[in-house]
C-alpha atoms as a PDB file:
ATOM      1  CA  UNK A   1      68.055 112.529  62.191  1.00  0.00           C
ATOM      2  CA  UNK A   2      71.966 112.944  61.813  1.00  0.00           C
ATOM      3  CA  UNK A   3      71.700 116.356  63.941  1.00  0.00           C
ATOM      4  CA  UNK A   4      69.729 114.878  66.174  1.00  0.00           C
ATOM      5  CA  UNK A   5      72.252 111.557  67.071  1.00  0.00           C
ATOM      6  CA  UNK A   6      74.963 114.637  67.488  1.00  0.00           C
ATOM      7  CA  UNK A   7      73.318 116.704  69.841  1.00  0.00           C
ATOM      8  CA  UNK A   8      72.805 113.100  71.841  1.00  0.00           C
ATOM      9  CA  UNK A   9      76.251 112.468  71.685  1.00  0.00           C
ATOM     10  CA  UNK A  10      77.480 115.990  72.741  1.00  0.00           C
ATOM     11  CA  UNK A  11      74.734 115.757  75.716  1.00  0.00           C
ATOM     12  CA  UNK A  12      75.738 112.762  76.920  1.00  0.00           C
ATOM     13  CA  UNK A  13      78.644 113.638  76.476  1.00  0.00           C
ATOM     14  CA  UNK A  14      78.515 117.061  78.906  1.00  0.00           C
ATOM     15  CA  UNK A  15      76.663 115.110  81.137  1.00  0.00           C
ATOM     16  CA  UNK A  16      79.530 112.615  82.425  1.00  0.00           C
ATOM     17  CA  UNK A  17      82.209 115.056  82.378  1.00  0.00           C
ATOM     18  CA  UNK A  18      79.705 116.848  85.007  1.00  0.00           C
ATOM     19  CA  UNK A  19      79.340 114.304  87.215  1.00  0.00           C
ATOM     20  CA  UNK A  20      82.683 113.798  86.392  1.00  0.00           C
ATOM     21  CA  UNK A  21      83.870 116.880  88.643  1.00  0.00           C
ATOM     22  CA  UNK A  22      81.003 116.592  90.529  1.00  0.00           C
ATOM     23  CA  UNK A  23      82.898 113.257  92.296  1.00  0.00           C
ATOM     24  CA  UNK A  24      86.221 114.533  91.788  1.00  0.00           C
ATOM     25  CA  UNK A  25      85.261 117.990  93.688  1.00  0.00           C
ATOM     26  CA  UNK A  26      83.312 116.013  96.738  1.00  0.00           C
ATOM     27  CA  UNK A  27      86.143 113.773  96.840  1.00  0.00           C
ATOM     28  CA  UNK A  28      88.590 116.207  97.594  1.00  0.00           C
ATOM     29  CA  UNK A  29      86.592 118.136  99.979  1.00  0.00           C
ATOM     30  CA  UNK A  30      85.670 114.509 101.622  1.00  0.00           C
ATOM     31  CA  UNK A  31      89.352 113.459 101.650  1.00  0.00           C
ATOM     32  CA  UNK A  32      90.781 117.239 103.332  1.00  0.00           C
ATOM     33  CA  UNK A  33      87.890 116.647 105.446  1.00  0.00           C
ATOM     34  CA  UNK A  34      88.624 113.147 106.767  1.00  0.00           C
ATOM     35  CA  UNK A  35      92.638 113.754 107.211  1.00  0.00           C
ATOM     36  CA  UNK A  36      91.969 117.505 109.352  1.00  0.00           C
ATOM     37  CA  UNK A  37      89.502 114.931 111.364  1.00  0.00           C
ATOM     38  CA  UNK A  38      91.962 112.193 111.764  1.00  0.00           C
ATOM     39  CA  UNK A  39      94.808 115.333 112.581  1.00  0.00           C
ATOM     40  CA  UNK A  40      92.794 116.218 114.765  1.00  0.00           C
ATOM     41  CA  UNK A  41      91.798 113.426 116.495  1.00  0.00           C
ATOM     42  CA  UNK A  42      95.929 112.585 116.864  1.00  0.00           C
ATOM     43  CA  UNK A  43      96.661 115.926 118.593  1.00  0.00           C
ATOM     44  CA  UNK A  44      97.837 115.645 122.411  1.00  0.00           C
ATOM     45  CA  UNK A  45      98.718 112.250 122.310  1.00  0.00           C
ATOM     46  CA  UNK A  46     101.445 110.257 124.544  1.00  0.00           C
ATOM     47  CA  UNK A  47     102.557 108.865 121.330  1.00  0.00           C
ATOM     48  CA  UNK A  48     104.921 109.652 118.406  1.00  0.00           C
ATOM     49  CA  UNK A  49     107.224 108.675 115.667  1.00  0.00           C
ATOM     50  CA  UNK A  50     109.910 111.009 114.975  1.00  0.00           C
ATOM     51  CA  UNK A  51     112.105 109.285 112.685  1.00  0.00           C
ATOM     52  CA  UNK A  52     111.305 106.235 110.459  1.00  0.00           C
ATOM     53  CA  UNK A  53     114.127 104.100 108.497  1.00  0.00           C
ATOM     54  CA  UNK A  54     113.184 101.332 105.970  1.00  0.00           C
ATOM     55  CA  UNK A  55     115.439  98.225 106.212  1.00  0.00           C
ATOM     56  CA  UNK A  56     113.784  96.056 103.987  1.00  0.00           C
ATOM     57  CA  UNK A  57     110.600  96.619 102.104  1.00  0.00           C
ATOM     58  CA  UNK A  58     108.255  95.226 105.550  1.00  0.00           C
ATOM     59  CA  UNK A  59     110.969  96.190 108.302  1.00  0.00           C
ATOM     60  CA  UNK A  60     111.771  99.263 109.765  1.00  0.00           C
ATOM     61  CA  UNK A  61     113.533 101.188 112.196  1.00  0.00           C
ATOM     62  CA  UNK A  62     111.871 103.973 114.426  1.00  0.00           C
ATOM     63  CA  UNK A  63     111.994 106.476 116.946  1.00  0.00           C
ATOM     64  CA  UNK A  64     109.441 106.996 118.588  1.00  0.00           C
ATOM     65  CA  UNK A  65     108.659 109.306 121.565  1.00  0.00           C
ATOM     66  CA  UNK A  66     106.427 107.427 123.989  1.00  0.00           C
ATOM     67  CA  UNK A  67     105.869 110.150 127.081  1.00  0.00           C
ATOM     68  CA  UNK A  68     108.763 110.903 128.229  1.00  0.00           C
ATOM     69  CA  UNK A  69     111.013 108.528 126.768  1.00  0.00           C
ATOM     70  CA  UNK A  70     112.775 107.880 123.499  1.00  0.00           C
ATOM     71  CA  UNK A  71     112.373 103.847 121.851  1.00  0.00           C
ATOM     72  CA  UNK A  72     114.416 102.034 118.760  1.00  0.00           C
ATOM     73  CA  UNK A  73     111.704  99.620 117.770  1.00  0.00           C
ATOM     74  CA  UNK A  74     111.697  97.255 115.095  1.00  0.00           C
ATOM     75  CA  UNK A  75     108.692  96.730 113.045  1.00  0.00           C
ATOM     76  CA  UNK A  76     108.420  93.637 110.878  1.00  0.00           C
ATOM     77  CA  UNK A  77     105.540  92.042 109.586  1.00  0.00           C
ATOM     78  CA  UNK A  78     103.662  90.341 112.166  1.00  0.00           C
ATOM     79  CA  UNK A  79     106.019  92.142 115.194  1.00  0.00           C
ATOM     80  CA  UNK A  80     107.082  94.614 117.095  1.00  0.00           C
ATOM     81  CA  UNK A  81     110.573  94.900 119.641  1.00  0.00           C
ATOM     82  CA  UNK A  82     111.715  97.261 121.034  1.00  0.00           C
ATOM     83  CA  UNK A  83     115.122  97.631 120.494  1.00  0.00           C
ATOM     84  CA  UNK A  84     116.592 100.381 122.508  1.00  0.00           C
ATOM     85  CA  UNK A  85     115.843 103.324 125.168  1.00  0.00           C
ATOM     86  CA  UNK A  86     117.369 106.425 124.240  1.00  0.00           C
ATOM     87  CA  UNK A  87     117.837 109.913 125.999  1.00  0.00           C
ATOM     88  CA  UNK A  88     116.798 113.259 124.873  1.00  0.00           C
ATOM     89  CA  UNK A  89     120.851 113.817 124.469  1.00  0.00           C
ATOM     90  CA  UNK A  90     121.463 110.672 122.494  1.00  0.00           C
ATOM     91  CA  UNK A  91     118.804 112.210 119.614  1.00  0.00           C
ATOM     92  CA  UNK A  92     119.861 114.892 117.034  1.00  0.00           C
ATOM     93  CA  UNK A  93     115.540 116.796 116.804  1.00  0.00           C
ATOM     94  CA  UNK A  94     115.191 118.545 114.196  1.00  0.00           C
ATOM     95  CA  UNK A  95     112.453 121.412 113.703  1.00  0.00           C
ATOM     96  CA  UNK A  96     111.409 121.295 109.891  1.00  0.00           C
ATOM     97  CA  UNK A  97     110.504 118.149 108.186  1.00  0.00           C
ATOM     98  CA  UNK A  98     114.110 115.969 107.681  1.00  0.00           C
ATOM     99  CA  UNK A  99     113.691 114.130 110.745  1.00  0.00           C
ATOM    100  CA  UNK A 100     110.400 112.678 110.499  1.00  0.00           C
ATOM    101  CA  UNK A 101     111.075 111.339 106.775  1.00  0.00           C
ATOM    102  CA  UNK A 102     108.074 113.474 105.197  1.00  0.00           C
ATOM    103  CA  UNK A 103     108.582 116.298 102.965  1.00  0.00           C
ATOM    104  CA  UNK A 104     106.642 118.961 101.644  1.00  0.00           C
ATOM    105  CA  UNK A 105     104.730 118.454  97.799  1.00  0.00           C
ATOM    106  CA  UNK A 106     106.994 120.942  96.461  1.00  0.00           C
ATOM    107  CA  UNK A 107     110.287 119.616  97.908  1.00  0.00           C
ATOM    108  CA  UNK A 108     109.221 116.291  96.544  1.00  0.00           C
ATOM    109  CA  UNK A 109     108.477 118.102  93.123  1.00  0.00           C
ATOM    110  CA  UNK A 110     112.086 120.013  92.876  1.00  0.00           C
ATOM    111  CA  UNK A 111     113.710 116.723  93.942  1.00  0.00           C
ATOM    112  CA  UNK A 112     112.040 114.559  90.981  1.00  0.00           C
ATOM    113  CA  UNK A 113     113.420 117.220  88.359  1.00  0.00           C
ATOM    114  CA  UNK A 114     116.913 117.142  89.547  1.00  0.00           C
ATOM    115  CA  UNK A 115     116.258 113.492  89.054  1.00  0.00           C
ATOM    116  CA  UNK A 116     115.140 113.895  85.997  1.00  0.00           C
ATOM    117  CA  UNK A 117     117.379 116.769  84.518  1.00  0.00           C
ATOM    118  CA  UNK A 118     120.625 114.039  85.881  1.00  0.00           C
ATOM    119  CA  UNK A 119     118.623 111.911  83.107  1.00  0.00           C
END
């Protein structure tokens, strides 16, 4: 009787673990599919955010390329204002991730390890 209850518990645990792994795998591939779809949808568009700077928790300054123009815009909670128009000569464009404000996962991990080592 005790052995039967133990086998049922182990079977239930294995079933739950299997379902969990299947859900994680489905989530991974669904996320990759959606990211690829959105990336392909935005390729060749006329708008591109080149750089973003957070001023406060809900206010940002961004440099945006709109067609052949470069604009500095201020973004608040409910409004967007054009602050200035820049020429390409006034910009310092970078070829890597440093101008976009995004880092690769490896760069973020190295940065986190370096901060941990400082403490």
